[in-house]
Amino acid sequence: MPPSSPMPMSQRIVQVCLFLVSAIAVLGGSLQMYLGQPDTILPPPSAVWLGYLIPELLLPVVIAVAHAATHRHASRAATAA
């Protein structure tokens, strides 16, 4: 890709998701070091914790789909050129 061409939206999604994953890891790790290891039992408001867990499990799927779309877009552009 020439440097002047814009970044595809799927590649931007991958970039943002990877930034979010790294920010969550750094902040979560530092908070855990400060507060100590929490109990690993699911706390009483289960819906709240599942609300955190489900997006965290879906994020890698979003990254993989966007990454595949980027490669598909790049291969189409290469064959058209």
C-alpha atoms as a PDB file:
ATOM      1  CA  MET A   1       0.000   0.000   0.000  1.00  0.00           C
ATOM      2  CA  PRO A   2       1.339   3.447  -0.796  1.00  0.00           C
ATOM      3  CA  PRO A   3       1.911   5.648   2.250  1.00  0.00           C
ATOM      4  CA  SER A   4      -0.666   8.173   1.041  1.00  0.00           C
ATOM      5  CA  SER A   5      -3.556   5.682   0.930  1.00  0.00           C
ATOM      6  CA  PRO A   6      -5.957   5.757   3.907  1.00  0.00           C
ATOM      7  CA  MET A   7      -6.027   2.941   6.435  1.00  0.00           C
ATOM      8  CA  PRO A   8      -8.940   0.521   5.828  1.00  0.00           C
ATOM      9  CA  MET A   9     -11.694   0.596   8.467  1.00  0.00           C
ATOM     10  CA  SER A  10     -11.119  -3.066   9.367  1.00  0.00           C
ATOM     11  CA  GLN A  11      -7.460  -2.354  10.084  1.00  0.00           C
ATOM     12  CA  ARG A  12      -8.440   0.622  12.241  1.00  0.00           C
ATOM     13  CA  ILE A  13     -10.830  -1.651  14.203  1.00  0.00           C
ATOM     14  CA  VAL A  14      -7.994  -4.110  14.844  1.00  0.00           C
ATOM     15  CA  GLN A  15      -5.753  -1.246  15.956  1.00  0.00           C
ATOM     16  CA  VAL A  16      -8.352   0.145  18.389  1.00  0.00           C
ATOM     17  CA  CYS A  17      -9.173  -3.297  19.799  1.00  0.00           C
ATOM     18  CA  LEU A  18      -5.505  -4.101  20.399  1.00  0.00           C
ATOM     19  CA  PHE A  19      -5.088  -0.747  22.125  1.00  0.00           C
ATOM     20  CA  LEU A  20      -8.077  -1.520  24.380  1.00  0.00           C
ATOM     21  CA  VAL A  21      -6.727  -4.976  25.224  1.00  0.00           C
ATOM     22  CA  SER A  22      -3.330  -3.548  26.142  1.00  0.00           C
ATOM     23  CA  ALA A  23      -4.860  -0.736  28.220  1.00  0.00           C
ATOM     24  CA  ILE A  24      -7.077  -3.184  30.114  1.00  0.00           C
ATOM     25  CA  ALA A  25      -4.118  -5.476  30.751  1.00  0.00           C
ATOM     26  CA  VAL A  26      -1.853  -2.713  32.029  1.00  0.00           C
ATOM     27  CA  LEU A  27      -4.483  -1.034  34.202  1.00  0.00           C
ATOM     28  CA  GLY A  28      -5.869  -4.325  35.493  1.00  0.00           C
ATOM     29  CA  GLY A  29      -2.421  -5.653  36.303  1.00  0.00           C
ATOM     30  CA  SER A  30      -1.362  -2.520  38.131  1.00  0.00           C
ATOM     31  CA  LEU A  31      -4.644  -2.405  40.070  1.00  0.00           C
ATOM     32  CA  GLN A  32      -4.238  -6.051  41.060  1.00  0.00           C
ATOM     33  CA  MET A  33      -0.666  -5.376  42.214  1.00  0.00           C
ATOM     34  CA  TYR A  34      -1.892  -2.439  44.303  1.00  0.00           C
ATOM     35  CA  LEU A  35      -4.970  -4.109  45.828  1.00  0.00           C
ATOM     36  CA  GLY A  36      -3.734  -7.696  45.951  1.00  0.00           C
ATOM     37  CA  GLN A  37      -5.222 -10.890  44.520  1.00  0.00           C
ATOM     38  CA  PRO A  38      -9.046 -10.814  44.754  1.00  0.00           C
ATOM     39  CA  ASP A  39     -11.246 -13.791  45.535  1.00  0.00           C
ATOM     40  CA  THR A  40     -11.845 -15.758  42.359  1.00  0.00           C
ATOM     41  CA  ILE A  41     -15.446 -16.684  43.223  1.00  0.00           C
ATOM     42  CA  LEU A  42     -18.075 -14.924  41.067  1.00  0.00           C
ATOM     43  CA  PRO A  43     -19.398 -12.007  43.211  1.00  0.00           C
ATOM     44  CA  PRO A  44     -23.090 -11.814  44.178  1.00  0.00           C
ATOM     45  CA  PRO A  45     -24.288  -9.438  41.433  1.00  0.00           C
ATOM     46  CA  SER A  46     -23.523 -12.092  38.794  1.00  0.00           C
ATOM     47  CA  ALA A  47     -25.129 -10.106  35.976  1.00  0.00           C
ATOM     48  CA  VAL A  48     -22.644  -7.264  36.491  1.00  0.00           C
ATOM     49  CA  TRP A  49     -19.636  -9.559  36.290  1.00  0.00           C
ATOM     50  CA  LEU A  50     -21.031 -11.417  33.303  1.00  0.00           C
ATOM     51  CA  GLY A  51     -21.513  -8.014  31.682  1.00  0.00           C
ATOM     52  CA  TYR A  52     -17.753  -7.519  31.980  1.00  0.00           C
ATOM     53  CA  LEU A  53     -16.877 -11.069  30.952  1.00  0.00           C
ATOM     54  CA  ILE A  54     -18.921 -11.389  27.748  1.00  0.00           C
ATOM     55  CA  PRO A  55     -17.411  -8.346  25.939  1.00  0.00           C
ATOM     56  CA  GLU A  56     -13.962  -9.471  27.062  1.00  0.00           C
ATOM     57  CA  LEU A  57     -14.543 -12.849  25.433  1.00  0.00           C
ATOM     58  CA  LEU A  58     -16.014 -11.318  22.255  1.00  0.00           C
ATOM     59  CA  LEU A  59     -13.174  -8.862  21.682  1.00  0.00           C
ATOM     60  CA  PRO A  60     -10.722 -11.462  20.273  1.00  0.00           C
ATOM     61  CA  VAL A  61     -13.411 -12.592  17.810  1.00  0.00           C
ATOM     62  CA  VAL A  62     -13.901  -8.994  16.634  1.00  0.00           C
ATOM     63  CA  ILE A  63     -10.128  -8.605  16.223  1.00  0.00           C
ATOM     64  CA  ALA A  64      -9.844 -11.836  14.210  1.00  0.00           C
ATOM     65  CA  VAL A  65     -12.749 -10.967  11.893  1.00  0.00           C
ATOM     66  CA  ALA A  66     -11.453  -7.448  11.260  1.00  0.00           C
ATOM     67  CA  HIS A  67      -7.952  -8.788  10.630  1.00  0.00           C
ATOM     68  CA  ALA A  68      -9.292 -11.326   8.126  1.00  0.00           C
ATOM     69  CA  ALA A  69     -11.255  -8.575   6.388  1.00  0.00           C
ATOM     70  CA  THR A  70      -8.097  -6.482   6.112  1.00  0.00           C
ATOM     71  CA  HIS A  71      -6.216  -9.339   4.456  1.00  0.00           C
ATOM     72  CA  ARG A  72      -9.132 -10.026   2.126  1.00  0.00           C
ATOM     73  CA  HIS A  73      -9.243  -6.355   1.130  1.00  0.00           C
ATOM     74  CA  ALA A  74      -5.462  -6.248   0.568  1.00  0.00           C
ATOM     75  CA  SER A  75      -5.449  -9.387  -1.567  1.00  0.00           C
ATOM     76  CA  ARG A  76      -8.288  -8.058  -3.734  1.00  0.00           C
ATOM     77  CA  ALA A  77      -6.448  -4.776  -4.225  1.00  0.00           C
ATOM     78  CA  ALA A  78      -3.254  -6.627  -5.150  1.00  0.00           C
ATOM     79  CA  THR A  79      -4.995  -8.770  -7.781  1.00  0.00           C
ATOM     80  CA  ALA A  80      -6.803  -5.741  -9.239  1.00  0.00           C
ATOM     81  CA  ALA A  81      -3.562  -3.784  -9.656  1.00  0.00           C
END
